[in-house]
């Protein structure tokens, strides 16, 4: 599970150069807005850019030090605050993050433990029931998984483990009231 710290980088999932359409303030007060997903905790953020030279899927620095493309992090937003474009682009951005952090997510398969006496962390991934969970546990006991390809090769019922991770992350983002957040912060 992740600690609640500030994001350092975000992937842009929508760029509104004239701000939101439904902004009731006078036009001269509208400012450009970016919607982004954090690359560490998958926080959804609203950013104010310094420049218009930003594209969807760009990775931007949003940490405390000098930012080259972002003026400020305006606020944290929820899934329902995302534009239609941002909702469509979110899975692609998350897929990029999951692939970039493959080692960390493979470690999840190698280190997942029971949450309660009746539920295991692996059960939280879509498509994993008791039978598949036991197969994963027995297989990793023989030899830890090395990468996503190794998981799909050794566990035939999981052809795309990265898709299971992606679906779980999206579920946690869409439903902030989800009881267990294993990849995102509330």
Protein backbone atom coordinates (compact mmCIF):
# COMPACT_ATOMS: atom_id res chain seq x y z
CA UNK A 1 0.00 0.00 0.00
CA UNK A 2 1.14 3.50 -0.77
CA UNK A 3 1.82 6.34 1.62
CA UNK A 4 0.09 9.65 1.07
CA UNK A 5 2.90 11.85 -0.22
CA UNK A 6 3.04 14.41 -3.00
CA UNK A 7 3.36 13.34 -6.61
CA UNK A 8 6.55 14.36 -8.42
CA UNK A 9 5.44 13.65 -11.98
CA UNK A 10 2.15 13.49 -13.80
CA UNK A 11 1.00 12.32 -17.22
CA UNK A 12 -1.25 14.80 -18.98
CA UNK A 13 -4.63 13.28 -19.91
CA UNK A 14 -6.35 16.46 -21.11
CA UNK A 15 -5.36 20.02 -22.00
CA UNK A 16 -7.93 22.81 -21.91
CA UNK A 17 -6.12 25.90 -23.30
CA UNK A 18 -9.10 28.18 -22.55
CA UNK A 19 -10.13 26.54 -19.30
CA UNK A 20 -13.40 24.76 -18.59
CA UNK A 21 -16.37 25.45 -20.87
CA UNK A 22 -18.74 25.77 -17.90
CA UNK A 23 -16.52 28.30 -16.05
CA UNK A 24 -18.91 31.13 -15.08
CA UNK A 25 -16.20 33.72 -14.52
CA UNK A 26 -15.58 36.39 -17.17
CA UNK A 27 -13.49 35.13 -20.13
CA UNK A 28 -10.48 37.25 -19.20
CA UNK A 29 -10.27 35.35 -15.89
CA UNK A 30 -10.20 31.89 -17.53
CA UNK A 31 -6.85 30.13 -17.34
CA UNK A 32 -5.43 27.13 -19.18
CA UNK A 33 -5.91 23.88 -17.31
CA UNK A 34 -4.38 20.43 -17.56
CA UNK A 35 -5.81 17.27 -16.10
CA UNK A 36 -3.16 14.71 -15.18
CA UNK A 37 -2.63 11.45 -13.34
CA UNK A 38 0.29 11.15 -10.93
CA UNK A 39 2.91 8.55 -11.81
CA UNK A 40 3.48 7.34 -8.25
CA UNK A 41 0.10 7.17 -6.48
CA UNK A 42 -2.24 7.70 -9.45
CA UNK A 43 -3.71 10.86 -7.95
CA UNK A 44 -5.88 12.84 -10.37
CA UNK A 45 -4.72 16.43 -10.51
CA UNK A 46 -5.64 19.76 -12.05
CA UNK A 47 -2.58 21.70 -13.17
CA UNK A 48 -1.98 25.20 -14.50
CA UNK A 49 0.61 25.19 -17.32
CA UNK A 50 3.31 27.82 -17.94
CA UNK A 51 3.20 27.16 -21.68
CA UNK A 52 0.82 25.93 -24.36
CA UNK A 53 3.52 23.57 -25.65
CA UNK A 54 2.17 20.60 -23.74
CA UNK A 55 0.47 17.59 -25.28
CA UNK A 56 -1.70 14.78 -23.98
CA UNK A 57 0.52 11.92 -22.71
CA UNK A 58 3.42 14.26 -21.89
CA UNK A 59 5.05 13.54 -18.55
CA UNK A 60 5.46 16.77 -16.56
CA UNK A 61 7.36 17.52 -13.36
CA UNK A 62 5.04 18.74 -10.58
CA UNK A 63 7.31 18.44 -7.53
CA UNK A 64 8.47 21.22 -5.19
CA UNK A 65 11.55 22.27 -7.19
CA UNK A 66 11.59 24.56 -10.23
CA UNK A 67 9.03 23.35 -12.79
CA UNK A 68 9.70 24.00 -16.46
CA UNK A 69 6.20 23.43 -17.90
CA UNK A 70 3.84 23.68 -14.91
CA UNK A 71 3.08 26.89 -13.02
CA UNK A 72 1.25 25.21 -10.15
CA UNK A 73 -0.79 22.25 -9.02
CA UNK A 74 -4.23 23.79 -8.68
CA UNK A 75 -6.00 20.98 -6.85
CA UNK A 76 -6.60 17.28 -6.55
CA UNK A 77 -9.70 16.12 -8.41
CA UNK A 78 -11.89 13.04 -8.43
CA UNK A 79 -12.79 10.74 -11.28
CA UNK A 80 -16.15 12.52 -11.74
CA UNK A 81 -14.28 15.82 -12.32
CA UNK A 82 -12.45 14.42 -15.35
CA UNK A 83 -13.43 15.59 -18.82
CA UNK A 84 -14.61 13.02 -21.35
CA UNK A 85 -11.23 13.18 -23.05
CA UNK A 86 -9.40 12.62 -19.75
CA UNK A 87 -11.58 9.60 -18.97
CA UNK A 88 -10.74 8.10 -22.35
CA UNK A 89 -7.01 8.80 -22.00
CA UNK A 90 -6.69 7.65 -18.37
CA UNK A 91 -6.31 3.90 -19.15
CA UNK A 92 -3.56 4.62 -21.69
CA UNK A 93 -1.67 6.78 -19.20
CA UNK A 94 -2.01 4.15 -16.46
CA UNK A 95 -0.87 1.43 -18.85
CA UNK A 96 2.28 3.48 -19.58
CA UNK A 97 2.94 3.89 -15.85
CA UNK A 98 2.40 0.17 -15.15
CA UNK A 99 4.82 -0.81 -17.93
CA UNK A 100 7.40 1.74 -16.71
CA UNK A 101 7.12 0.38 -13.16
CA UNK A 102 6.90 -3.29 -14.16
CA UNK A 103 9.43 -4.41 -11.54
CA UNK A 104 7.32 -2.92 -8.73
CA UNK A 105 4.09 -4.53 -9.92
CA UNK A 106 5.77 -7.91 -10.46
CA UNK A 107 6.99 -7.60 -6.87
CA UNK A 108 3.32 -7.31 -5.87
CA UNK A 109 2.71 -10.80 -7.31
CA UNK A 110 5.82 -12.05 -5.48
CA UNK A 111 5.07 -10.47 -2.10
CA UNK A 112 1.26 -10.30 -1.81
CA UNK A 113 0.04 -11.56 1.57
CA UNK A 114 -3.32 -12.29 3.21
CA UNK A 115 -5.30 -9.23 4.30
CA UNK A 116 -7.66 -11.13 6.58
CA UNK A 117 -8.13 -14.80 7.39
CA UNK A 118 -10.56 -15.04 4.45
CA UNK A 119 -9.09 -12.64 1.91
CA UNK A 120 -5.73 -12.39 0.17
CA UNK A 121 -4.29 -9.33 -1.59
CA UNK A 122 -4.27 -11.32 -4.84
CA UNK A 123 -8.08 -11.65 -4.59
CA UNK A 124 -8.32 -7.89 -5.11
CA UNK A 125 -7.11 -8.25 -8.70
CA UNK A 126 -9.95 -8.78 -11.19
CA UNK A 127 -10.24 -12.40 -12.28
CA UNK A 128 -8.32 -13.99 -9.41
CA UNK A 129 -10.30 -16.44 -7.32
CA UNK A 130 -9.14 -19.02 -4.80
CA UNK A 131 -7.95 -21.60 -7.34
CA UNK A 132 -5.87 -19.10 -9.32
CA UNK A 133 -4.57 -17.50 -6.13
CA UNK A 134 -3.24 -20.88 -4.94
CA UNK A 135 -1.65 -21.51 -8.33
CA UNK A 136 0.15 -18.16 -8.11
CA UNK A 137 1.32 -18.82 -4.54
CA UNK A 138 2.59 -22.32 -5.37
CA UNK A 139 4.34 -21.15 -8.53
CA UNK A 140 6.09 -18.21 -6.85
CA UNK A 141 7.20 -20.52 -4.01
CA UNK A 142 9.25 -22.52 -6.53
CA UNK A 143 10.77 -19.40 -8.08
CA UNK A 144 9.82 -15.73 -7.83
CA UNK A 145 8.39 -14.08 -10.93
CA UNK A 146 10.86 -11.99 -12.94
CA UNK A 147 8.54 -9.92 -15.15
CA UNK A 148 5.04 -9.83 -16.65
CA UNK A 149 6.08 -12.23 -19.43
CA UNK A 150 7.30 -14.72 -16.82
CA UNK A 151 3.97 -14.54 -14.97
CA UNK A 152 1.94 -15.13 -18.14
CA UNK A 153 4.25 -17.95 -19.23
CA UNK A 154 4.14 -19.82 -15.92
CA UNK A 155 0.47 -19.09 -15.07
CA UNK A 156 -1.48 -19.89 -18.24
CA UNK A 157 -4.72 -18.44 -16.80
CA UNK A 158 -3.08 -14.98 -16.67
CA UNK A 159 -2.16 -14.03 -20.24
CA UNK A 160 -1.83 -10.30 -19.42
CA UNK A 161 -1.00 -9.63 -15.75
CA UNK A 162 -0.45 -5.92 -16.50
CA UNK A 163 -4.12 -5.67 -17.55
CA UNK A 164 -5.21 -7.03 -14.14
CA UNK A 165 -3.13 -4.34 -12.43
CA UNK A 166 -4.52 -1.66 -14.77
CA UNK A 167 -8.14 -2.70 -14.12
CA UNK A 168 -7.57 -2.68 -10.35
CA UNK A 169 -5.99 0.79 -10.45
CA UNK A 170 -8.91 2.15 -12.48
CA UNK A 171 -11.37 0.55 -10.06
CA UNK A 172 -9.62 2.25 -7.12
CA UNK A 173 -9.64 5.61 -8.93
CA UNK A 174 -13.30 5.38 -10.02
CA UNK A 175 -14.49 4.23 -6.58
CA UNK A 176 -12.64 6.13 -3.85
CA UNK A 177 -14.77 4.32 -1.25
CA UNK A 178 -13.19 0.98 -2.21
CA UNK A 179 -12.21 -0.68 1.06
CA UNK A 180 -8.64 -1.64 0.09
CA UNK A 181 -6.43 0.67 -1.94
CA UNK A 182 -3.40 -1.39 -2.90
CA UNK A 183 -2.03 0.80 -5.70
CA UNK A 184 -3.57 4.25 -5.17
CA UNK A 185 -3.95 6.63 -2.26
CA UNK A 186 -7.38 7.74 -1.07
